[in-house]
Protein backbone atom coordinates (compact mmCIF):
# COMPACT_ATOMS: atom_id res chain seq x y z
CA UNK A 1 -36.51 21.08 -49.16
CA UNK A 2 -33.73 19.80 -46.88
CA UNK A 3 -35.06 21.81 -43.98
CA UNK A 4 -38.52 20.29 -44.37
CA UNK A 5 -37.00 16.78 -44.52
CA UNK A 6 -35.00 17.40 -41.32
CA UNK A 7 -38.06 18.78 -39.57
CA UNK A 8 -40.11 15.76 -40.65
CA UNK A 9 -37.33 13.42 -39.51
CA UNK A 10 -37.55 15.01 -36.07
CA UNK A 11 -41.33 15.44 -35.77
CA UNK A 12 -42.52 12.07 -37.14
CA UNK A 13 -40.72 9.89 -34.53
CA UNK A 14 -41.89 12.20 -31.73
CA UNK A 15 -45.46 12.07 -33.01
CA UNK A 16 -45.22 8.28 -33.19
CA UNK A 17 -43.93 8.02 -29.63
CA UNK A 18 -46.64 10.39 -28.39
CA UNK A 19 -49.37 8.35 -30.07
CA UNK A 20 -47.96 5.08 -28.65
CA UNK A 21 -47.88 6.61 -25.18
CA UNK A 22 -51.45 7.87 -25.59
CA UNK A 23 -52.69 4.48 -26.75
CA UNK A 24 -50.97 2.58 -23.92
CA UNK A 25 -52.32 5.13 -21.40
CA UNK A 26 -55.83 4.63 -22.82
CA UNK A 27 -55.53 0.82 -22.60
CA UNK A 28 -54.23 0.97 -19.01
CA UNK A 29 -57.40 2.81 -17.93
CA UNK A 30 -59.79 0.17 -19.36
CA UNK A 31 -61.54 -2.36 -17.12
CA UNK A 32 -63.06 -2.65 -13.66
CA UNK A 33 -61.34 -2.29 -10.31
CA UNK A 34 -61.49 -5.26 -7.93
CA UNK A 35 -59.98 -6.04 -4.53
CA UNK A 36 -58.40 -9.31 -3.48
CA UNK A 37 -57.03 -10.14 -0.01
CA UNK A 38 -53.29 -10.66 0.21
CA UNK A 39 -50.88 -12.27 2.63
CA UNK A 40 -47.13 -12.74 2.90
CA UNK A 41 -45.97 -9.16 2.46
CA UNK A 42 -42.35 -8.45 1.60
CA UNK A 43 -41.56 -4.73 1.60
CA UNK A 44 -38.38 -4.06 -0.37
CA UNK A 45 -35.64 -1.65 0.61
CA UNK A 46 -34.63 1.51 -1.17
CA UNK A 47 -31.61 -0.05 -2.85
CA UNK A 48 -33.68 -2.73 -4.58
CA UNK A 49 -36.61 -0.49 -5.49
CA UNK A 50 -39.79 0.76 -3.89
CA UNK A 51 -42.21 -2.12 -4.07
CA UNK A 52 -44.15 -4.61 -1.99
CA UNK A 53 -44.27 -8.27 -2.96
CA UNK A 54 -47.26 -10.28 -1.80
CA UNK A 55 -49.20 -13.50 -2.25
CA UNK A 56 -52.80 -13.32 -3.44
CA UNK A 57 -55.36 -14.96 -1.15
CA UNK A 58 -58.05 -15.58 -3.79
CA UNK A 59 -61.43 -16.38 -2.14
CA UNK A 60 -62.36 -19.98 -2.95
CA UNK A 61 -58.81 -21.19 -3.71
CA UNK A 62 -56.49 -23.05 -1.36
CA UNK A 63 -52.88 -24.27 -1.50
CA UNK A 64 -53.85 -27.37 -3.53
CA UNK A 65 -55.05 -25.11 -6.36
CA UNK A 66 -51.48 -23.90 -6.78
CA UNK A 67 -49.84 -27.35 -6.90
CA UNK A 68 -49.86 -27.05 -10.71
CA UNK A 69 -49.30 -23.82 -12.67
CA UNK A 70 -52.35 -21.60 -12.63
CA UNK A 71 -52.90 -19.85 -15.96
CA UNK A 72 -56.50 -18.59 -15.64
CA UNK A 73 -59.20 -17.78 -13.12
CA UNK A 74 -62.89 -17.02 -13.33
CA UNK A 75 -64.06 -14.41 -10.82
CA UNK A 76 -67.58 -14.37 -9.39
CA UNK A 77 -69.00 -11.27 -7.77
CA UNK A 78 -69.57 -7.62 -8.50
CA UNK A 79 -66.60 -5.27 -8.62
CA UNK A 80 -64.89 -4.53 -6.32
CA UNK A 81 -65.94 -7.58 -4.22
CA UNK A 82 -64.73 -11.02 -5.30
CA UNK A 83 -67.10 -13.64 -3.95
CA UNK A 84 -65.15 -16.57 -5.40
CA UNK A 85 -62.25 -17.25 -7.72
CA UNK A 86 -62.09 -20.60 -9.51
CA UNK A 87 -59.44 -22.25 -11.66
CA UNK A 88 -60.62 -22.05 -15.28
CA UNK A 89 -59.83 -23.86 -18.52
CA UNK A 90 -59.79 -22.12 -21.90
CA UNK A 91 -63.35 -23.37 -22.59
CA UNK A 92 -64.59 -22.11 -19.21
CA UNK A 93 -63.01 -18.69 -19.81
CA UNK A 94 -65.19 -18.26 -22.90
CA UNK A 95 -68.32 -18.28 -20.73
CA UNK A 96 -66.84 -16.52 -17.69
CA UNK A 97 -68.16 -13.01 -16.93
CA UNK A 98 -64.86 -11.90 -15.33
CA UNK A 99 -61.94 -13.94 -16.74
CA UNK A 100 -58.41 -13.45 -15.43
CA UNK A 101 -55.48 -14.63 -17.55
CA UNK A 102 -52.03 -15.04 -16.11
CA UNK A 103 -49.18 -13.71 -18.23
CA UNK A 104 -46.83 -16.35 -19.60
CA UNK A 105 -43.84 -14.07 -19.18
CA UNK A 106 -42.92 -11.34 -16.74
CA UNK A 107 -41.28 -11.36 -13.37
CA UNK A 108 -43.34 -14.27 -11.98
CA UNK A 109 -44.13 -16.17 -15.19
CA UNK A 110 -46.57 -19.00 -14.55
CA UNK A 111 -46.77 -18.01 -10.86
CA UNK A 112 -48.24 -14.56 -11.64
CA UNK A 113 -51.73 -15.42 -10.37
CA UNK A 114 -50.29 -16.49 -7.03
CA UNK A 115 -47.73 -13.74 -6.43
CA UNK A 116 -47.71 -10.06 -7.24
CA UNK A 117 -45.75 -6.85 -6.88
CA UNK A 118 -46.91 -3.28 -6.32
CA UNK A 119 -44.56 -0.43 -7.13
CA UNK A 120 -44.83 2.60 -4.88
CA UNK A 121 -43.01 5.86 -4.31
CA UNK A 122 -40.62 6.13 -1.39
CA UNK A 123 -43.12 7.81 0.96
CA UNK A 124 -45.94 5.37 0.06
CA UNK A 125 -43.59 2.41 0.43
CA UNK A 126 -42.74 3.54 3.98
CA UNK A 127 -46.45 3.97 4.80
CA UNK A 128 -47.26 0.51 3.48
CA UNK A 129 -44.33 -1.08 5.31
CA UNK A 130 -45.59 0.33 8.61
CA UNK A 131 -49.28 -0.43 7.93
CA UNK A 132 -48.65 -4.01 6.81
CA UNK A 133 -46.97 -4.78 10.13
CA UNK A 134 -50.23 -3.96 11.98
CA UNK A 135 -51.77 -7.37 12.69
CA UNK A 136 -55.21 -5.86 13.42
CA UNK A 137 -55.81 -5.07 9.75
CA UNK A 138 -56.38 -7.11 6.62
CA UNK A 139 -54.62 -6.03 3.42
CA UNK A 140 -56.24 -6.03 -0.02
CA UNK A 141 -54.71 -5.29 -3.39
CA UNK A 142 -56.89 -3.06 -5.53
CA UNK A 143 -56.31 -4.04 -9.15
CA UNK A 144 -57.72 -3.23 -12.55
CA UNK A 145 -59.01 -6.20 -14.54
CA UNK A 146 -58.60 -5.21 -18.16
CA UNK A 147 -60.91 -6.52 -20.92
CA UNK A 148 -58.13 -8.83 -22.16
CA UNK A 149 -58.08 -10.56 -18.74
CA UNK A 150 -54.80 -9.13 -17.43
CA UNK A 151 -54.63 -7.61 -13.98
CA UNK A 152 -52.73 -4.50 -13.00
CA UNK A 153 -52.16 -3.85 -9.26
CA UNK A 154 -53.02 -0.24 -8.37
CA UNK A 155 -52.74 0.08 -4.59
CA UNK A 156 -52.91 -1.72 -1.27
CA UNK A 157 -55.76 -0.85 1.07
CA UNK A 158 -56.07 -1.96 4.68
CA UNK A 159 -59.21 -2.59 6.73
CA UNK A 160 -59.70 -3.75 10.31
CA UNK A 161 -60.48 -7.44 10.64
CA UNK A 162 -64.18 -8.19 11.20
CA UNK A 163 -65.36 -10.14 14.29
CA UNK A 164 -65.50 -13.42 12.29
CA UNK A 165 -61.81 -13.07 11.35
CA UNK A 166 -60.70 -12.13 14.89
CA UNK A 167 -62.57 -15.07 16.45
CA UNK A 168 -64.94 -12.88 18.55
């Protein structure tokens, strides 16, 4: 009897942790992938972690839209292309096809829809650092928009500027 109790005491917490991991993994894979332009890259060094900090450049928003805390956006377009992002109230989110909700806590708090951070391995961080210095390319963050409205940055992709962006 004691042996069975000890075995259960060991197995039950491990089974619980495994099921929590499985559920969180399942949730992290839900939603559509979108791309948003970014600016203001800040690659971090090895001692402080492998990540790139950036500022979102949401199509349709300008600096005035960030004068007050931004807690929600409504995206227009078809994934992965954002045609327009607009500030949204709670009532507008209810009718929005692609709502984005900023987290109230976390590293950026109420500024989370303006600034972001992408964690990368050492080799990928070096690649991104070099690529982001190339002024002939535009950087985009590829993120997953989960059904609850939260965004999760996945990667940074770079594309050459088009003629309209170069001034040709």
